[in-house]
Amino acid sequence: MDYFSAVVTEQKENAAALKKLMRQAFEGGELREKLLLSHRDWAGPDEGLYAFNNDRGLRQWHGKVKKALGIESASALTRETLQAK
């Protein structure tokens, strides 16, 4: 997050560049969630650990990017959503 914060600080004067950067970060986070869910049968990736972080508010860079962009969608990876599947 420190690197990301530094890049955002550099881009604050250029609103279009900042929005593009935030959009790319959002899309990266969405892709990460999608990849974890699409490979639930693999031994390595663990959507439960990602959900643990989301449920406890740890490493919330994706949530912060969503908030900055005004995106009101909940994470697909929480204990509640994983138990519903």
N, C-alpha and C. Protein backbone atom coordinates (compact mmCIF):
# COMPACT_ATOMS: atom_id res chain seq x y z
N MET A 1 0.83 -1.19 0.00
CA MET A 1 0.00 0.00 0.00
C MET A 1 0.87 1.25 0.00
N ASP A 2 2.08 1.16 0.54
CA ASP A 2 2.97 2.33 0.56
C ASP A 2 3.32 2.76 -0.85
N TYR A 3 3.65 1.79 -1.72
CA TYR A 3 3.97 2.13 -3.10
C TYR A 3 2.77 2.76 -3.77
N PHE A 4 1.61 2.15 -3.58
CA PHE A 4 0.38 2.66 -4.18
C PHE A 4 0.11 4.08 -3.70
N SER A 5 0.28 4.32 -2.40
CA SER A 5 0.06 5.66 -1.84
C SER A 5 1.01 6.68 -2.46
N ALA A 6 2.27 6.27 -2.68
CA ALA A 6 3.24 7.18 -3.29
C ALA A 6 2.84 7.53 -4.72
N VAL A 7 2.38 6.55 -5.46
CA VAL A 7 1.96 6.80 -6.84
C VAL A 7 0.73 7.71 -6.85
N VAL A 8 -0.21 7.46 -5.96
CA VAL A 8 -1.41 8.29 -5.88
C VAL A 8 -1.03 9.73 -5.54
N THR A 9 -0.10 9.91 -4.61
CA THR A 9 0.35 11.25 -4.23
C THR A 9 0.92 11.98 -5.44
N GLU A 10 1.70 11.26 -6.25
CA GLU A 10 2.28 11.87 -7.46
C GLU A 10 1.19 12.24 -8.47
N GLN A 11 0.10 11.50 -8.49
CA GLN A 11 -0.94 11.70 -9.50
C GLN A 11 -2.05 12.64 -9.07
N LYS A 12 -2.02 13.15 -7.85
CA LYS A 12 -3.13 13.96 -7.34
C LYS A 12 -3.41 15.20 -8.18
N GLU A 13 -2.39 15.76 -8.78
CA GLU A 13 -2.59 16.96 -9.58
C GLU A 13 -3.24 16.65 -10.92
N ASN A 14 -3.16 15.41 -11.35
CA ASN A 14 -3.72 15.02 -12.63
C ASN A 14 -4.92 14.09 -12.36
N ALA A 15 -6.10 14.65 -12.33
CA ALA A 15 -7.30 13.89 -11.96
C ALA A 15 -7.56 12.71 -12.90
N ALA A 16 -7.34 12.89 -14.18
CA ALA A 16 -7.59 11.81 -15.14
C ALA A 16 -6.63 10.65 -14.91
N ALA A 17 -5.36 10.96 -14.65
CA ALA A 17 -4.37 9.91 -14.41
C ALA A 17 -4.68 9.18 -13.10
N LEU A 18 -5.12 9.93 -12.10
CA LEU A 18 -5.47 9.32 -10.81
C LEU A 18 -6.66 8.38 -10.97
N LYS A 19 -7.67 8.82 -11.69
CA LYS A 19 -8.85 7.98 -11.89
C LYS A 19 -8.49 6.72 -12.67
N LYS A 20 -7.63 6.85 -13.66
CA LYS A 20 -7.20 5.69 -14.44
C LYS A 20 -6.43 4.71 -13.55
N LEU A 21 -5.56 5.22 -12.71
CA LEU A 21 -4.80 4.38 -11.79
C LEU A 21 -5.72 3.66 -10.80
N MET A 22 -6.68 4.38 -10.26
CA MET A 22 -7.63 3.78 -9.32
C MET A 22 -8.47 2.71 -10.00
N ARG A 23 -8.86 2.96 -11.23
CA ARG A 23 -9.67 1.99 -11.99
C ARG A 23 -8.88 0.71 -12.23
N GLN A 24 -7.58 0.86 -12.56
CA GLN A 24 -6.73 -0.31 -12.78
C GLN A 24 -6.56 -1.10 -11.48
N ALA A 25 -6.42 -0.41 -10.37
CA ALA A 25 -6.30 -1.09 -9.07
C ALA A 25 -7.59 -1.84 -8.75
N PHE A 26 -8.73 -1.21 -9.01
CA PHE A 26 -10.02 -1.86 -8.77
C PHE A 26 -10.15 -3.12 -9.62
N GLU A 27 -9.82 -3.02 -10.91
CA GLU A 27 -9.94 -4.16 -11.80
C GLU A 27 -8.99 -5.29 -11.38
N GLY A 28 -7.81 -4.93 -10.87
CA GLY A 28 -6.88 -5.94 -10.38
C GLY A 28 -7.45 -6.68 -9.17
N GLY A 29 -8.08 -5.95 -8.27
CA GLY A 29 -8.70 -6.57 -7.10
C GLY A 29 -9.86 -7.47 -7.48
N GLU A 30 -10.66 -7.03 -8.43
CA GLU A 30 -11.78 -7.85 -8.89
C GLU A 30 -11.28 -9.13 -9.55
N LEU A 31 -10.21 -9.00 -10.34
CA LEU A 31 -9.64 -10.18 -11.00
C LEU A 31 -9.08 -11.16 -9.97
N ARG A 32 -8.45 -10.64 -8.93
CA ARG A 32 -7.92 -11.51 -7.89
C ARG A 32 -9.04 -12.30 -7.23
N GLU A 33 -10.13 -11.65 -6.90
CA GLU A 33 -11.27 -12.37 -6.30
C GLU A 33 -11.81 -13.43 -7.25
N LYS A 34 -11.94 -13.06 -8.52
CA LYS A 34 -12.47 -13.99 -9.52
C LYS A 34 -11.56 -15.21 -9.67
N LEU A 35 -10.24 -14.99 -9.69
CA LEU A 35 -9.30 -16.10 -9.82
C LEU A 35 -9.36 -17.03 -8.62
N LEU A 36 -9.45 -16.46 -7.43
CA LEU A 36 -9.55 -17.30 -6.23
C LEU A 36 -10.79 -18.17 -6.26
N LEU A 37 -11.91 -17.59 -6.67
CA LEU A 37 -13.16 -18.34 -6.70
C LEU A 37 -13.20 -19.36 -7.83
N SER A 38 -12.52 -19.09 -8.93
CA SER A 38 -12.56 -20.03 -10.05
C SER A 38 -11.63 -21.22 -9.85
N HIS A 39 -10.72 -21.12 -8.88
CA HIS A 39 -9.79 -22.22 -8.62
C HIS A 39 -9.93 -22.74 -7.19
N ARG A 40 -11.15 -22.88 -6.75
CA ARG A 40 -11.41 -23.33 -5.38
C ARG A 40 -10.91 -24.75 -5.14
N ASP A 41 -10.76 -25.56 -6.19
CA ASP A 41 -10.33 -26.94 -6.03
C ASP A 41 -8.80 -27.09 -6.05
N TRP A 42 -8.08 -26.01 -6.24
CA TRP A 42 -6.61 -26.08 -6.24
C TRP A 42 -6.11 -26.05 -4.80
N ALA A 43 -4.96 -26.63 -4.58
CA ALA A 43 -4.40 -26.70 -3.23
C ALA A 43 -3.80 -25.37 -2.77
N GLY A 44 -3.32 -24.53 -3.66
CA GLY A 44 -2.61 -23.32 -3.27
C GLY A 44 -3.48 -22.16 -2.86
N PRO A 45 -4.27 -21.60 -3.76
CA PRO A 45 -5.06 -20.42 -3.42
C PRO A 45 -6.14 -20.76 -2.38
N ASP A 46 -6.34 -19.87 -1.46
CA ASP A 46 -7.31 -20.14 -0.41
C ASP A 46 -8.24 -18.94 -0.24
N GLU A 47 -9.45 -19.07 -0.75
CA GLU A 47 -10.40 -17.96 -0.64
C GLU A 47 -10.82 -17.71 0.81
N GLY A 48 -10.69 -18.73 1.65
CA GLY A 48 -11.03 -18.56 3.07
C GLY A 48 -10.11 -17.59 3.77
N LEU A 49 -8.82 -17.62 3.44
CA LEU A 49 -7.88 -16.67 4.05
C LEU A 49 -8.16 -15.25 3.57
N TYR A 50 -8.54 -15.11 2.30
CA TYR A 50 -8.89 -13.80 1.78
C TYR A 50 -10.15 -13.29 2.46
N ALA A 51 -11.11 -14.18 2.66
CA ALA A 51 -12.35 -13.80 3.34
C ALA A 51 -12.07 -13.41 4.79
N PHE A 52 -11.16 -14.12 5.44
CA PHE A 52 -10.77 -13.80 6.82
C PHE A 52 -10.27 -12.36 6.89
N ASN A 53 -9.43 -11.98 5.94
CA ASN A 53 -8.92 -10.61 5.90
C ASN A 53 -10.04 -9.60 5.68
N ASN A 54 -10.96 -9.91 4.77
CA ASN A 54 -12.07 -8.99 4.50
C ASN A 54 -12.98 -8.85 5.72
N ASP A 55 -13.28 -9.96 6.38
CA ASP A 55 -14.17 -9.93 7.54
C ASP A 55 -13.59 -9.14 8.71
N ARG A 56 -12.27 -9.12 8.83
CA ARG A 56 -11.62 -8.44 9.95
C ARG A 56 -11.04 -7.08 9.59
N GLY A 57 -11.24 -6.66 8.35
CA GLY A 57 -10.77 -5.34 7.94
C GLY A 57 -9.27 -5.24 7.77
N LEU A 58 -8.62 -6.34 7.44
CA LEU A 58 -7.17 -6.36 7.22
C LEU A 58 -6.87 -6.16 5.74
N ARG A 59 -5.80 -5.48 5.44
CA ARG A 59 -5.33 -5.30 4.05
C ARG A 59 -6.47 -4.87 3.13
N GLN A 60 -7.07 -3.77 3.42
CA GLN A 60 -8.27 -3.33 2.71
C GLN A 60 -8.00 -2.41 1.53
N TRP A 61 -6.91 -2.62 0.79
CA TRP A 61 -6.62 -1.74 -0.32
C TRP A 61 -7.73 -1.78 -1.37
N HIS A 62 -8.27 -2.97 -1.64
CA HIS A 62 -9.32 -3.08 -2.66
C HIS A 62 -10.58 -2.32 -2.21
N GLY A 63 -10.93 -2.45 -0.95
CA GLY A 63 -12.08 -1.73 -0.41
C GLY A 63 -11.88 -0.22 -0.44
N LYS A 64 -10.66 0.22 -0.17
CA LYS A 64 -10.37 1.66 -0.20
C LYS A 64 -10.46 2.20 -1.62
N VAL A 65 -10.01 1.41 -2.58
CA VAL A 65 -10.10 1.84 -3.98
C VAL A 65 -11.57 1.92 -4.40
N LYS A 66 -12.37 0.92 -4.02
CA LYS A 66 -13.81 0.94 -4.34
C LYS A 66 -14.46 2.19 -3.76
N LYS A 67 -14.15 2.49 -2.52
CA LYS A 67 -14.73 3.66 -1.86
C LYS A 67 -14.33 4.94 -2.58
N ALA A 68 -13.06 5.05 -2.96
CA ALA A 68 -12.58 6.24 -3.65
C ALA A 68 -13.26 6.42 -5.00
N LEU A 69 -13.60 5.31 -5.65
CA LEU A 69 -14.27 5.37 -6.96
C LEU A 69 -15.79 5.46 -6.83
N GLY A 70 -16.31 5.34 -5.62
CA GLY A 70 -17.75 5.40 -5.41
C GLY A 70 -18.46 4.12 -5.79
N ILE A 71 -17.76 3.00 -5.75
CA ILE A 71 -18.33 1.70 -6.09
C ILE A 71 -18.87 1.06 -4.82
N GLU A 72 -20.13 0.72 -4.84
CA GLU A 72 -20.81 0.21 -3.64
C GLU A 72 -21.05 -1.29 -3.67
N SER A 73 -20.17 -2.05 -4.31
CA SER A 73 -20.37 -3.50 -4.36
C SER A 73 -19.61 -4.18 -3.23
N ALA A 74 -20.25 -5.17 -2.64
CA ALA A 74 -19.61 -5.93 -1.56
C ALA A 74 -18.62 -6.92 -2.14
N SER A 75 -17.67 -7.33 -1.34
CA SER A 75 -16.69 -8.32 -1.78
C SER A 75 -17.37 -9.66 -1.96
N ALA A 76 -16.91 -10.40 -2.96
CA ALA A 76 -17.42 -11.75 -3.18
C ALA A 76 -16.79 -12.73 -2.21
N LEU A 77 -15.79 -12.26 -1.47
CA LEU A 77 -15.06 -13.14 -0.56
C LEU A 77 -15.22 -12.68 0.88
N THR A 78 -16.27 -13.16 1.51
CA THR A 78 -16.49 -12.98 2.95
C THR A 78 -16.98 -14.32 3.49
N ARG A 79 -16.93 -14.49 4.78
CA ARG A 79 -17.40 -15.74 5.35
C ARG A 79 -18.85 -16.01 4.96
N GLU A 80 -19.65 -14.98 5.02
CA GLU A 80 -21.08 -15.11 4.72
C GLU A 80 -21.31 -15.55 3.27
N THR A 81 -20.62 -14.89 2.32
CA THR A 81 -20.85 -15.23 0.91
C THR A 81 -20.29 -16.62 0.57
N LEU A 82 -19.17 -16.99 1.19
CA LEU A 82 -18.60 -18.32 0.91
C LEU A 82 -19.47 -19.43 1.50
N GLN A 83 -20.08 -19.20 2.66
CA GLN A 83 -20.95 -20.21 3.24
C GLN A 83 -22.25 -20.37 2.47
N ALA A 84 -22.65 -19.32 1.77
CA ALA A 84 -23.89 -19.39 1.00
C ALA A 84 -23.72 -20.19 -0.29
N LYS A 85 -22.48 -20.42 -0.72
CA LYS A 85 -22.26 -21.12 -1.99
C LYS A 85 -22.28 -22.62 -1.82
